[in-house]
Amino acid sequence: MTNQALPLDPLQDLPDQVADFSTDPGLIPLGRLAERLGIRILEAGPDRVVGTMPVDGNQQPYGLLHGGASAALAESLGSIGAAFHAGPGRYAVGVDLNATHHRPAVSGHVTGVATAVFRGRTAATYEIAVTDDAGKRISSCRLTCMLRDA
């Protein structure tokens, strides 16, 4: 049995690291699911987070963007905003996610914009609008995160 490098302790290291990525949001560590979905962060801060995701590879059997992929994009973006708001030495955990899917996306990319609607000491809530390449809304989501000390 060989020793392997230990991964980051998400409750200790990630919140401190996220605070350092405000100048280059493309470097924010997203985790394996977001990487597999192809999520890319374009802008990040406590008030607003913007990211994109390709439709290709994230489709359900009918060729439409999978609703779970849209929800994963929304939770990723809202969680990043909540982590920025929580600040160093704290972390954010999603406790409620709501997603309403309005229309399908079949190609190109979707863009999610997470906007803070409540930023408190122990909780943060974000509304996330997911749109297609033409700017038409695909999904409307809401994420509430609990904020905890590491």
C-alpha atoms as a PDB file:
ATOM      1  CA  MET A   1       0.000   0.000   0.000  1.00  0.00           C
ATOM      2  CA  THR A   2       1.448   3.342  -1.029  1.00  0.00           C
ATOM      3  CA  ASN A   3       0.749   6.724   0.478  1.00  0.00           C
ATOM      4  CA  GLN A   4      -1.041   9.196  -1.741  1.00  0.00           C
ATOM      5  CA  ALA A   5      -1.293  12.937  -1.367  1.00  0.00           C
ATOM      6  CA  LEU A   6      -4.357  13.809   0.653  1.00  0.00           C
ATOM      7  CA  PRO A   7      -6.966  15.958  -1.112  1.00  0.00           C
ATOM      8  CA  LEU A   8      -7.923  19.347   0.212  1.00  0.00           C
ATOM      9  CA  ASP A   9      -9.984  19.280   3.369  1.00  0.00           C
ATOM     10  CA  PRO A  10     -13.113  20.981   1.974  1.00  0.00           C
ATOM     11  CA  LEU A  11     -14.161  22.303   5.359  1.00  0.00           C
ATOM     12  CA  GLN A  12     -10.782  23.900   6.057  1.00  0.00           C
ATOM     13  CA  ASP A  13      -9.005  24.723   2.802  1.00  0.00           C
ATOM     14  CA  LEU A  14     -11.608  25.583   0.161  1.00  0.00           C
ATOM     15  CA  PRO A  15     -13.235  28.621   1.808  1.00  0.00           C
ATOM     16  CA  ASP A  16      -9.812  30.197   2.323  1.00  0.00           C
ATOM     17  CA  GLN A  17      -8.830  29.394  -1.273  1.00  0.00           C
ATOM     18  CA  VAL A  18     -12.061  30.726  -2.775  1.00  0.00           C
ATOM     19  CA  ALA A  19     -11.399  34.108  -1.184  1.00  0.00           C
ATOM     20  CA  ASP A  20      -8.106  34.238  -3.128  1.00  0.00           C
ATOM     21  CA  PHE A  21      -9.693  33.640  -6.567  1.00  0.00           C
ATOM     22  CA  SER A  22     -11.602  36.899  -6.978  1.00  0.00           C
ATOM     23  CA  THR A  23      -9.043  38.140  -9.531  1.00  0.00           C
ATOM     24  CA  ASP A  24      -9.219  34.991 -11.702  1.00  0.00           C
ATOM     25  CA  PRO A  25     -12.534  33.128 -11.272  1.00  0.00           C
ATOM     26  CA  GLY A  26     -11.445  30.525 -13.830  1.00  0.00           C
ATOM     27  CA  LEU A  27      -9.105  29.103 -11.186  1.00  0.00           C
ATOM     28  CA  ILE A  28     -11.811  28.394  -8.586  1.00  0.00           C
ATOM     29  CA  PRO A  29     -11.727  24.667  -7.748  1.00  0.00           C
ATOM     30  CA  LEU A  30     -15.143  23.299  -8.734  1.00  0.00           C
ATOM     31  CA  GLY A  31     -14.960  19.617  -7.881  1.00  0.00           C
ATOM     32  CA  ARG A  32     -15.259  16.573 -10.082  1.00  0.00           C
ATOM     33  CA  LEU A  33     -18.966  16.835 -10.946  1.00  0.00           C
ATOM     34  CA  ALA A  34     -18.671  20.404 -12.206  1.00  0.00           C
ATOM     35  CA  GLU A  35     -15.518  19.482 -14.125  1.00  0.00           C
ATOM     36  CA  ARG A  36     -17.312  16.539 -15.779  1.00  0.00           C
ATOM     37  CA  LEU A  37     -20.225  18.788 -16.708  1.00  0.00           C
ATOM     38  CA  GLY A  38     -17.801  21.292 -18.257  1.00  0.00           C
ATOM     39  CA  ILE A  39     -18.770  24.200 -15.989  1.00  0.00           C
ATOM     40  CA  ARG A  40     -16.550  27.270 -16.364  1.00  0.00           C
ATOM     41  CA  ILE A  41     -16.683  30.288 -14.061  1.00  0.00           C
ATOM     42  CA  LEU A  42     -16.529  33.683 -15.765  1.00  0.00           C
ATOM     43  CA  GLU A  43     -17.177  36.025 -12.838  1.00  0.00           C
ATOM     44  CA  ALA A  44     -17.361  35.402  -9.106  1.00  0.00           C
ATOM     45  CA  GLY A  45     -18.032  37.372  -5.966  1.00  0.00           C
ATOM     46  CA  PRO A  46     -20.440  37.398  -3.024  1.00  0.00           C
ATOM     47  CA  ASP A  47     -23.156  39.315  -4.923  1.00  0.00           C
ATOM     48  CA  ARG A  48     -22.970  37.695  -8.371  1.00  0.00           C
ATOM     49  CA  VAL A  49     -21.487  34.580  -9.972  1.00  0.00           C
ATOM     50  CA  VAL A  50     -21.575  33.828 -13.714  1.00  0.00           C
ATOM     51  CA  GLY A  51     -20.713  30.508 -15.322  1.00  0.00           C
ATOM     52  CA  THR A  52     -21.276  28.504 -18.485  1.00  0.00           C
ATOM     53  CA  MET A  53     -21.799  24.851 -19.325  1.00  0.00           C
ATOM     54  CA  PRO A  54     -21.996  23.024 -22.670  1.00  0.00           C
ATOM     55  CA  VAL A  55     -25.236  21.316 -23.631  1.00  0.00           C
ATOM     56  CA  ASP A  56     -23.333  18.596 -25.488  1.00  0.00           C
ATOM     57  CA  GLY A  57     -22.544  15.756 -23.106  1.00  0.00           C
ATOM     58  CA  ASN A  58     -25.151  16.919 -20.575  1.00  0.00           C
ATOM     59  CA  GLN A  59     -28.275  15.751 -22.397  1.00  0.00           C
ATOM     60  CA  GLN A  60     -31.000  13.339 -21.392  1.00  0.00           C
ATOM     61  CA  PRO A  61     -32.050  10.537 -23.825  1.00  0.00           C
ATOM     62  CA  TYR A  62     -34.229  12.868 -25.960  1.00  0.00           C
ATOM     63  CA  GLY A  63     -31.239  15.090 -26.737  1.00  0.00           C
ATOM     64  CA  LEU A  64     -32.346  17.942 -24.459  1.00  0.00           C
ATOM     65  CA  LEU A  65     -30.233  19.476 -21.720  1.00  0.00           C
ATOM     66  CA  HIS A  66     -30.801  17.349 -18.615  1.00  0.00           C
ATOM     67  CA  GLY A  67     -32.653  19.190 -15.851  1.00  0.00           C
ATOM     68  CA  GLY A  68     -30.221  17.750 -13.330  1.00  0.00           C
ATOM     69  CA  ALA A  69     -27.332  19.346 -15.227  1.00  0.00           C
ATOM     70  CA  SER A  70     -29.077  22.719 -15.056  1.00  0.00           C
ATOM     71  CA  ALA A  71     -29.641  22.193 -11.321  1.00  0.00           C
ATOM     72  CA  ALA A  72     -25.975  21.235 -10.823  1.00  0.00           C
ATOM     73  CA  LEU A  73     -24.905  24.409 -12.653  1.00  0.00           C
ATOM     74  CA  ALA A  74     -27.241  26.483 -10.463  1.00  0.00           C
ATOM     75  CA  GLU A  75     -26.050  24.903  -7.208  1.00  0.00           C
ATOM     76  CA  SER A  76     -22.414  25.279  -8.226  1.00  0.00           C
ATOM     77  CA  LEU A  77     -22.818  28.991  -8.954  1.00  0.00           C
ATOM     78  CA  GLY A  78     -24.889  29.765  -5.857  1.00  0.00           C
ATOM     79  CA  SER A  79     -22.514  27.804  -3.639  1.00  0.00           C
ATOM     80  CA  ILE A  80     -19.529  29.757  -4.935  1.00  0.00           C
ATOM     81  CA  GLY A  81     -21.296  33.033  -4.158  1.00  0.00           C
ATOM     82  CA  ALA A  82     -22.182  31.799  -0.679  1.00  0.00           C
ATOM     83  CA  ALA A  83     -18.566  30.690  -0.092  1.00  0.00           C
ATOM     84  CA  PHE A  84     -17.336  34.162  -1.048  1.00  0.00           C
ATOM     85  CA  HIS A  85     -19.905  35.684   1.309  1.00  0.00           C
ATOM     86  CA  ALA A  86     -19.019  33.268   4.141  1.00  0.00           C
ATOM     87  CA  GLY A  87     -15.375  34.298   3.910  1.00  0.00           C
ATOM     88  CA  PRO A  88     -12.177  32.708   5.224  1.00  0.00           C
ATOM     89  CA  GLY A  89     -12.556  30.165   8.007  1.00  0.00           C
ATOM     90  CA  ARG A  90     -16.192  29.462   7.067  1.00  0.00           C
ATOM     91  CA  TYR A  91     -17.951  27.273   4.516  1.00  0.00           C
ATOM     92  CA  ALA A  92     -21.304  27.091   2.724  1.00  0.00           C
ATOM     93  CA  VAL A  93     -23.528  24.017   2.444  1.00  0.00           C
ATOM     94  CA  GLY A  94     -26.553  23.911   0.155  1.00  0.00           C
ATOM     95  CA  VAL A  95     -29.699  23.051   2.110  1.00  0.00           C
ATOM     96  CA  ASP A  96     -32.478  23.856  -0.386  1.00  0.00           C
ATOM     97  CA  LEU A  97     -32.478  23.886  -4.190  1.00  0.00           C
ATOM     98  CA  ASN A  98     -35.519  24.663  -6.324  1.00  0.00           C
ATOM     99  CA  ALA A  99     -35.462  24.494 -10.128  1.00  0.00           C
ATOM    100  CA  THR A 100     -38.178  25.297 -12.635  1.00  0.00           C
ATOM    101  CA  HIS A 101     -37.384  24.322 -16.231  1.00  0.00           C
ATOM    102  CA  HIS A 102     -39.062  26.597 -18.791  1.00  0.00           C
ATOM    103  CA  ARG A 103     -37.789  25.486 -22.205  1.00  0.00           C
ATOM    104  CA  PRO A 104     -35.291  23.020 -23.641  1.00  0.00           C
ATOM    105  CA  ALA A 105     -31.756  23.624 -24.812  1.00  0.00           C
ATOM    106  CA  VAL A 106     -30.461  21.258 -27.480  1.00  0.00           C
ATOM    107  CA  SER A 107     -27.072  22.681 -28.464  1.00  0.00           C
ATOM    108  CA  GLY A 108     -24.478  25.315 -27.659  1.00  0.00           C
ATOM    109  CA  HIS A 109     -23.907  26.481 -24.121  1.00  0.00           C
ATOM    110  CA  VAL A 110     -26.079  27.651 -21.265  1.00  0.00           C
ATOM    111  CA  THR A 111     -25.100  30.502 -18.980  1.00  0.00           C
ATOM    112  CA  GLY A 112     -26.073  30.770 -15.341  1.00  0.00           C
ATOM    113  CA  VAL A 113     -26.154  34.023 -13.404  1.00  0.00           C
ATOM    114  CA  ALA A 114     -26.457  33.662  -9.638  1.00  0.00           C
ATOM    115  CA  THR A 115     -27.572  36.819  -7.843  1.00  0.00           C
ATOM    116  CA  ALA A 116     -27.628  37.157  -4.066  1.00  0.00           C
ATOM    117  CA  VAL A 117     -31.080  37.879  -2.662  1.00  0.00           C
ATOM    118  CA  PHE A 118     -30.200  37.346   1.018  1.00  0.00           C
ATOM    119  CA  ARG A 119     -26.779  37.355   2.669  1.00  0.00           C
ATOM    120  CA  GLY A 120     -26.982  36.795   6.396  1.00  0.00           C
ATOM    121  CA  ARG A 121     -24.642  35.526   9.089  1.00  0.00           C
ATOM    122  CA  THR A 122     -25.865  31.904   9.016  1.00  0.00           C
ATOM    123  CA  ALA A 123     -27.564  31.608   5.608  1.00  0.00           C
ATOM    124  CA  ALA A 124     -27.370  32.964   2.065  1.00  0.00           C
ATOM    125  CA  THR A 125     -29.907  32.666  -0.757  1.00  0.00           C
ATOM    126  CA  TYR A 126     -29.233  33.076  -4.481  1.00  0.00           C
ATOM    127  CA  GLU A 127     -31.521  33.235  -7.505  1.00  0.00           C
ATOM    128  CA  ILE A 128     -29.978  31.648 -10.570  1.00  0.00           C
ATOM    129  CA  ALA A 129     -31.205  32.360 -14.108  1.00  0.00           C
ATOM    130  CA  VAL A 130     -30.028  29.837 -16.704  1.00  0.00           C
ATOM    131  CA  THR A 131     -30.233  31.032 -20.319  1.00  0.00           C
ATOM    132  CA  ASP A 132     -29.321  29.615 -23.739  1.00  0.00           C
ATOM    133  CA  ASP A 133     -27.010  31.153 -26.343  1.00  0.00           C
ATOM    134  CA  ALA A 134     -29.898  33.328 -27.602  1.00  0.00           C
ATOM    135  CA  GLY A 135     -30.484  34.707 -24.099  1.00  0.00           C
ATOM    136  CA  LYS A 136     -33.759  32.814 -23.630  1.00  0.00           C
ATOM    137  CA  ARG A 137     -34.395  31.567 -20.114  1.00  0.00           C
ATOM    138  CA  ILE A 138     -34.047  27.805 -19.766  1.00  0.00           C
ATOM    139  CA  SER A 139     -34.427  27.475 -15.985  1.00  0.00           C
ATOM    140  CA  SER A 140     -35.116  29.578 -12.907  1.00  0.00           C
ATOM    141  CA  CYS A 141     -33.522  28.291  -9.724  1.00  0.00           C
ATOM    142  CA  ARG A 142     -33.149  29.291  -6.098  1.00  0.00           C
ATOM    143  CA  LEU A 143     -30.474  27.998  -3.722  1.00  0.00           C
ATOM    144  CA  THR A 144     -30.210  28.520   0.025  1.00  0.00           C
ATOM    145  CA  CYS A 145     -26.932  27.694   1.728  1.00  0.00           C
ATOM    146  CA  MET A 146     -26.226  27.326   5.426  1.00  0.00           C
ATOM    147  CA  LEU A 147     -23.020  29.119   6.475  1.00  0.00           C
ATOM    148  CA  ARG A 148     -20.857  27.389   9.058  1.00  0.00           C
ATOM    149  CA  ASP A 149     -17.566  27.936  10.828  1.00  0.00           C
ATOM    150  CA  ALA A 150     -14.842  25.544   9.678  1.00  0.00           C
END
